[in-house]
Every structure is written in C-alpha cells, then in structure tokens.
C-alpha cells in the first residue's frame, strides 16, 4: 500500500487531505536552509507539541504561499521552479505505520 497524503479530521468531523509538499526550512537564528517535505516536518512538529488542528492551520498557510514560523522553525513551500526531479518523493508506508503516525 502506498500512501501519498495524510488525512486529518477537522473540528467539524470532516476528513481533510494533506498532500506531501516540498518545503524549505530554516532553524530560527541560523542563516542556512534545508529542503525537506511536509510529512517529515509534520512528524517533527507533532513531537514539539502541535495538535492536529494546529498542524492543519500550518499546512493551509503553507499551501497558500505564506511563510510560517512555529516551534523554532521557519517554513516555506518551495515554488515549482525550485523542485528538483527525484528529490521529493512520496514515502511508502504500511497501513500499520500510517496508523502509528496519526496517533503519535
């Protein structure tokens, strides 16, 4: 099974799809940037205490083109012209792995 998106339940019970998107991340106070993706950052933000609704807000702001700063990280969606073929890929998870990600 290949999972290409994360599903989060909104406050009104609706399931919302969050697709994996390429991101550029900066640790506050540093000048260097790292290229990563939404699923990796989402896991990091969960470990840093963001709840599901907060993750959804961050995701929506990123997909609308805004730069988001939270939990010591500055995040920005990479523009299509910056994406390099083969660097951003959709990870493969089993159903059990996916269930563990959602409950983490």
N, C-alpha and C. Protein backbone atom coordinates (compact mmCIF):
# COMPACT_ATOMS: atom_id res chain seq x y z
N UNK A 1 0.84 -1.18 0.00
CA UNK A 1 0.00 0.00 0.00
C UNK A 1 0.89 1.24 0.00
N UNK A 2 0.61 2.20 -0.86
CA UNK A 2 1.34 3.44 -0.94
C UNK A 2 0.43 4.57 -0.48
N UNK A 3 0.89 5.35 0.47
CA UNK A 3 0.11 6.46 0.98
C UNK A 3 0.77 7.74 0.52
N UNK A 4 0.01 8.57 -0.20
CA UNK A 4 0.57 9.78 -0.76
C UNK A 4 0.07 11.03 -0.05
N UNK A 5 -0.71 10.87 0.99
CA UNK A 5 -1.26 12.03 1.69
C UNK A 5 -1.57 11.64 3.12
N UNK A 6 -1.75 12.64 3.93
CA UNK A 6 -2.14 12.45 5.32
C UNK A 6 -3.55 12.98 5.46
N UNK A 7 -4.34 12.29 6.23
CA UNK A 7 -5.73 12.71 6.43
C UNK A 7 -5.89 13.14 7.88
N UNK A 8 -6.49 14.31 8.06
CA UNK A 8 -6.73 14.83 9.40
C UNK A 8 -8.20 15.17 9.50
N UNK A 9 -8.78 14.88 10.65
CA UNK A 9 -10.19 15.20 10.87
C UNK A 9 -10.28 16.62 11.40
N UNK A 10 -11.08 17.44 10.74
CA UNK A 10 -11.26 18.83 11.18
C UNK A 10 -12.19 18.87 12.38
N UNK A 11 -12.34 20.05 12.97
CA UNK A 11 -13.18 20.21 14.15
C UNK A 11 -14.64 19.83 13.90
N UNK A 12 -15.11 19.98 12.66
CA UNK A 12 -16.50 19.64 12.36
C UNK A 12 -16.66 18.20 11.88
N UNK A 13 -15.60 17.38 12.02
CA UNK A 13 -15.69 15.96 11.67
C UNK A 13 -15.36 15.63 10.24
N UNK A 14 -15.07 16.63 9.43
CA UNK A 14 -14.75 16.41 8.02
C UNK A 14 -13.30 15.95 7.88
N UNK A 15 -13.07 14.96 7.01
CA UNK A 15 -11.71 14.48 6.75
C UNK A 15 -11.06 15.39 5.71
N UNK A 16 -9.89 15.91 6.02
CA UNK A 16 -9.16 16.81 5.14
C UNK A 16 -7.88 16.13 4.71
N UNK A 17 -7.57 16.21 3.41
CA UNK A 17 -6.38 15.58 2.86
C UNK A 17 -5.23 16.58 2.86
N UNK A 18 -4.09 16.17 3.38
CA UNK A 18 -2.88 16.98 3.32
C UNK A 18 -1.88 16.23 2.46
N UNK A 19 -1.62 16.75 1.26
CA UNK A 19 -0.66 16.12 0.36
C UNK A 19 0.75 16.48 0.79
N UNK A 20 1.68 15.60 0.46
CA UNK A 20 3.07 15.87 0.76
C UNK A 20 3.57 16.98 -0.17
N UNK A 21 4.11 18.05 0.39
CA UNK A 21 4.60 19.16 -0.41
C UNK A 21 6.06 19.43 -0.07
N UNK A 22 6.84 19.90 -1.03
CA UNK A 22 8.25 20.23 -0.76
C UNK A 22 8.34 21.53 0.03
N UNK A 23 9.20 21.54 1.03
CA UNK A 23 9.36 22.70 1.89
C UNK A 23 10.82 23.12 2.00
N UNK A 24 10.99 24.39 2.29
CA UNK A 24 12.30 24.90 2.63
C UNK A 24 12.20 25.33 4.10
N UNK A 25 13.11 24.83 4.94
CA UNK A 25 13.03 25.04 6.38
C UNK A 25 14.30 25.71 6.88
N UNK A 26 14.10 26.65 7.80
CA UNK A 26 15.20 27.36 8.44
C UNK A 26 14.99 27.27 9.94
N UNK A 27 16.05 26.91 10.67
CA UNK A 27 16.00 26.93 12.12
C UNK A 27 16.22 28.38 12.54
N UNK A 28 15.33 28.90 13.38
CA UNK A 28 15.42 30.31 13.77
C UNK A 28 16.80 30.62 14.33
N UNK A 29 17.35 31.75 13.90
CA UNK A 29 18.65 32.19 14.35
C UNK A 29 19.80 31.72 13.48
N UNK A 30 19.52 30.88 12.50
CA UNK A 30 20.55 30.40 11.58
C UNK A 30 20.26 30.93 10.19
N UNK A 31 21.30 30.98 9.36
CA UNK A 31 21.13 31.51 8.01
C UNK A 31 20.93 30.43 6.95
N UNK A 32 21.23 29.19 7.26
CA UNK A 32 21.12 28.12 6.25
C UNK A 32 19.69 27.58 6.20
N UNK A 33 19.34 27.03 5.03
CA UNK A 33 18.04 26.42 4.79
C UNK A 33 18.23 24.95 4.47
N UNK A 34 17.21 24.15 4.77
CA UNK A 34 17.20 22.73 4.46
C UNK A 34 15.97 22.45 3.62
N UNK A 35 16.11 21.65 2.58
CA UNK A 35 14.98 21.22 1.77
C UNK A 35 14.45 19.92 2.34
N UNK A 36 13.15 19.87 2.58
CA UNK A 36 12.53 18.67 3.13
C UNK A 36 11.10 18.60 2.60
N UNK A 37 10.25 17.83 3.26
CA UNK A 37 8.86 17.72 2.81
C UNK A 37 7.91 17.80 4.00
N UNK A 38 6.62 17.92 3.69
CA UNK A 38 5.61 18.13 4.73
C UNK A 38 5.54 16.98 5.72
N UNK A 39 5.59 15.74 5.25
CA UNK A 39 5.44 14.61 6.17
C UNK A 39 6.56 14.57 7.20
N UNK A 40 7.78 14.91 6.80
CA UNK A 40 8.90 14.94 7.75
C UNK A 40 8.71 16.06 8.77
N UNK A 41 8.33 17.24 8.30
CA UNK A 41 8.14 18.37 9.21
C UNK A 41 6.93 18.16 10.11
N UNK A 42 5.87 17.54 9.57
CA UNK A 42 4.69 17.27 10.37
C UNK A 42 5.05 16.38 11.57
N UNK A 43 5.86 15.37 11.35
CA UNK A 43 6.29 14.49 12.44
C UNK A 43 7.09 15.28 13.48
N UNK A 44 7.96 16.17 13.02
CA UNK A 44 8.76 16.99 13.93
C UNK A 44 7.87 17.92 14.74
N UNK A 45 6.92 18.55 14.09
CA UNK A 45 6.02 19.47 14.79
C UNK A 45 5.13 18.74 15.80
N UNK A 46 4.72 17.51 15.48
CA UNK A 46 3.95 16.71 16.44
C UNK A 46 4.78 16.45 17.70
N UNK A 47 6.06 16.11 17.50
CA UNK A 47 6.95 15.87 18.64
C UNK A 47 7.16 17.13 19.46
N UNK A 48 7.04 18.29 18.81
CA UNK A 48 7.22 19.57 19.50
C UNK A 48 5.90 20.10 20.07
N UNK A 49 4.85 19.29 20.03
CA UNK A 49 3.62 19.61 20.74
C UNK A 49 2.48 20.21 19.94
N UNK A 50 2.55 20.27 18.62
CA UNK A 50 1.42 20.79 17.84
C UNK A 50 0.31 19.77 17.78
N UNK A 51 -0.92 20.24 17.96
CA UNK A 51 -2.10 19.39 17.87
C UNK A 51 -2.56 19.30 16.42
N UNK A 52 -3.52 18.40 16.15
CA UNK A 52 -3.99 18.17 14.78
C UNK A 52 -4.53 19.45 14.13
N UNK A 53 -5.33 20.23 14.87
CA UNK A 53 -5.89 21.44 14.29
C UNK A 53 -4.82 22.49 14.01
N UNK A 54 -3.79 22.54 14.85
CA UNK A 54 -2.68 23.46 14.62
C UNK A 54 -1.87 23.04 13.39
N UNK A 55 -1.67 21.72 13.22
CA UNK A 55 -0.98 21.22 12.03
C UNK A 55 -1.76 21.59 10.78
N UNK A 56 -3.07 21.48 10.83
CA UNK A 56 -3.89 21.81 9.68
C UNK A 56 -3.74 23.29 9.33
N UNK A 57 -3.72 24.16 10.33
CA UNK A 57 -3.55 25.60 10.08
C UNK A 57 -2.20 25.87 9.43
N UNK A 58 -1.14 25.24 9.94
CA UNK A 58 0.18 25.41 9.35
C UNK A 58 0.17 24.95 7.90
N UNK A 59 -0.41 23.78 7.63
CA UNK A 59 -0.47 23.24 6.28
C UNK A 59 -1.22 24.18 5.33
N UNK A 60 -2.37 24.67 5.76
CA UNK A 60 -3.16 25.57 4.91
C UNK A 60 -2.42 26.87 4.63
N UNK A 61 -1.72 27.39 5.62
CA UNK A 61 -0.95 28.61 5.41
C UNK A 61 0.19 28.37 4.43
N UNK A 62 0.86 27.22 4.56
CA UNK A 62 1.96 26.89 3.65
C UNK A 62 1.47 26.74 2.21
N UNK A 63 0.35 26.02 2.04
CA UNK A 63 -0.15 25.79 0.69
C UNK A 63 -0.69 27.07 0.05
N UNK A 64 -1.02 28.07 0.86
CA UNK A 64 -1.47 29.34 0.30
C UNK A 64 -0.30 30.26 -0.02
N UNK A 65 0.92 29.80 0.24
CA UNK A 65 2.11 30.57 -0.12
C UNK A 65 2.69 31.40 1.01
N UNK A 66 2.15 31.27 2.21
CA UNK A 66 2.66 32.05 3.34
C UNK A 66 3.90 31.38 3.94
N UNK A 67 4.75 32.19 4.55
CA UNK A 67 5.87 31.67 5.35
C UNK A 67 5.34 31.53 6.78
N UNK A 68 5.63 30.38 7.40
CA UNK A 68 5.10 30.09 8.74
C UNK A 68 6.27 29.88 9.69
N UNK A 69 6.21 30.53 10.85
CA UNK A 69 7.21 30.33 11.89
C UNK A 69 6.52 29.74 13.10
N UNK A 70 6.98 28.57 13.53
CA UNK A 70 6.41 27.91 14.70
C UNK A 70 7.43 26.95 15.30
N UNK A 71 7.44 26.85 16.60
CA UNK A 71 8.28 25.92 17.35
C UNK A 71 9.75 25.99 16.92
N UNK A 72 10.24 27.21 16.68
CA UNK A 72 11.64 27.40 16.34
C UNK A 72 12.01 27.14 14.90
N UNK A 73 11.03 26.91 14.04
CA UNK A 73 11.28 26.64 12.63
C UNK A 73 10.54 27.65 11.76
N UNK A 74 11.21 28.11 10.71
CA UNK A 74 10.56 28.93 9.69
C UNK A 74 10.36 28.05 8.47
N UNK A 75 9.12 27.93 8.02
CA UNK A 75 8.77 27.02 6.93
C UNK A 75 8.22 27.80 5.74
N UNK A 76 8.57 27.35 4.54
CA UNK A 76 8.02 27.94 3.33
C UNK A 76 7.89 26.85 2.28
N UNK A 77 6.79 26.90 1.54
CA UNK A 77 6.60 25.95 0.44
C UNK A 77 7.56 26.32 -0.68
N UNK A 78 8.24 25.31 -1.22
CA UNK A 78 9.12 25.56 -2.35
C UNK A 78 8.28 25.82 -3.59
N UNK A 79 8.70 26.77 -4.40
CA UNK A 79 7.99 27.02 -5.64
C UNK A 79 8.27 25.87 -6.61
N UNK A 80 7.37 25.67 -7.55
CA UNK A 80 7.52 24.57 -8.51
C UNK A 80 8.85 24.66 -9.25
N UNK A 81 9.33 25.85 -9.52
CA UNK A 81 10.58 26.00 -10.26
C UNK A 81 11.78 25.55 -9.44
N UNK A 82 11.65 25.51 -8.10
CA UNK A 82 12.76 25.11 -7.25
C UNK A 82 12.84 23.60 -7.05
N UNK A 83 11.74 22.90 -7.30
CA UNK A 83 11.72 21.46 -7.08
C UNK A 83 12.64 20.76 -8.07
N UNK A 84 13.41 19.83 -7.57
CA UNK A 84 14.28 19.04 -8.43
C UNK A 84 13.70 17.65 -8.56
N UNK A 85 13.59 17.19 -9.79
CA UNK A 85 13.00 15.87 -10.04
C UNK A 85 13.73 14.80 -9.24
N UNK A 86 12.99 13.99 -8.51
CA UNK A 86 13.56 12.88 -7.78
C UNK A 86 13.93 13.19 -6.34
N UNK A 87 13.98 14.45 -5.94
CA UNK A 87 14.34 14.77 -4.56
C UNK A 87 13.15 14.65 -3.63
N UNK A 88 12.00 15.05 -4.09
CA UNK A 88 10.79 14.92 -3.28
C UNK A 88 10.02 13.71 -3.81
N UNK A 89 9.80 12.77 -2.95
CA UNK A 89 9.08 11.57 -3.36
C UNK A 89 8.04 11.27 -2.30
N UNK A 90 7.06 10.56 -2.67
CA UNK A 90 6.04 10.15 -1.72
C UNK A 90 6.55 8.90 -1.00
N UNK A 91 6.60 8.93 0.31
CA UNK A 91 7.09 7.77 1.05
C UNK A 91 6.10 6.61 1.00
N UNK A 92 6.61 5.43 1.21
CA UNK A 92 5.76 4.24 1.23
C UNK A 92 5.64 3.77 2.67
N UNK A 93 4.41 3.64 3.13
CA UNK A 93 4.13 3.19 4.47
C UNK A 93 3.14 2.04 4.42
N UNK A 94 3.24 1.16 5.37
CA UNK A 94 2.21 0.14 5.50
C UNK A 94 1.05 0.77 6.27
N UNK A 95 -0.08 0.12 6.26
CA UNK A 95 -1.25 0.63 6.98
C UNK A 95 -0.93 0.76 8.46
N UNK A 96 -0.15 -0.15 9.03
CA UNK A 96 0.22 -0.12 10.44
C UNK A 96 1.10 1.09 10.73
N UNK A 97 2.08 1.38 9.86
CA UNK A 97 2.93 2.55 10.04
C UNK A 97 2.12 3.83 10.00
N UNK A 98 1.18 3.90 9.06
CA UNK A 98 0.35 5.08 8.91
C UNK A 98 -0.51 5.31 10.16
N UNK A 99 -1.07 4.26 10.70
CA UNK A 99 -1.89 4.38 11.91
C UNK A 99 -1.04 4.90 13.06
N UNK A 100 0.21 4.47 13.14
CA UNK A 100 1.12 4.94 14.19
C UNK A 100 1.46 6.41 14.03
N UNK A 101 1.58 6.89 12.79
CA UNK A 101 1.87 8.29 12.54
C UNK A 101 0.73 9.18 13.00
N UNK A 102 -0.48 8.77 12.74
CA UNK A 102 -1.65 9.57 13.09
C UNK A 102 -1.81 9.63 14.61
N UNK A 103 -1.54 8.56 15.30
CA UNK A 103 -1.74 8.55 16.75
C UNK A 103 -0.57 9.14 17.51
N UNK A 104 0.56 9.41 16.83
CA UNK A 104 1.74 9.96 17.51
C UNK A 104 1.51 11.37 17.97
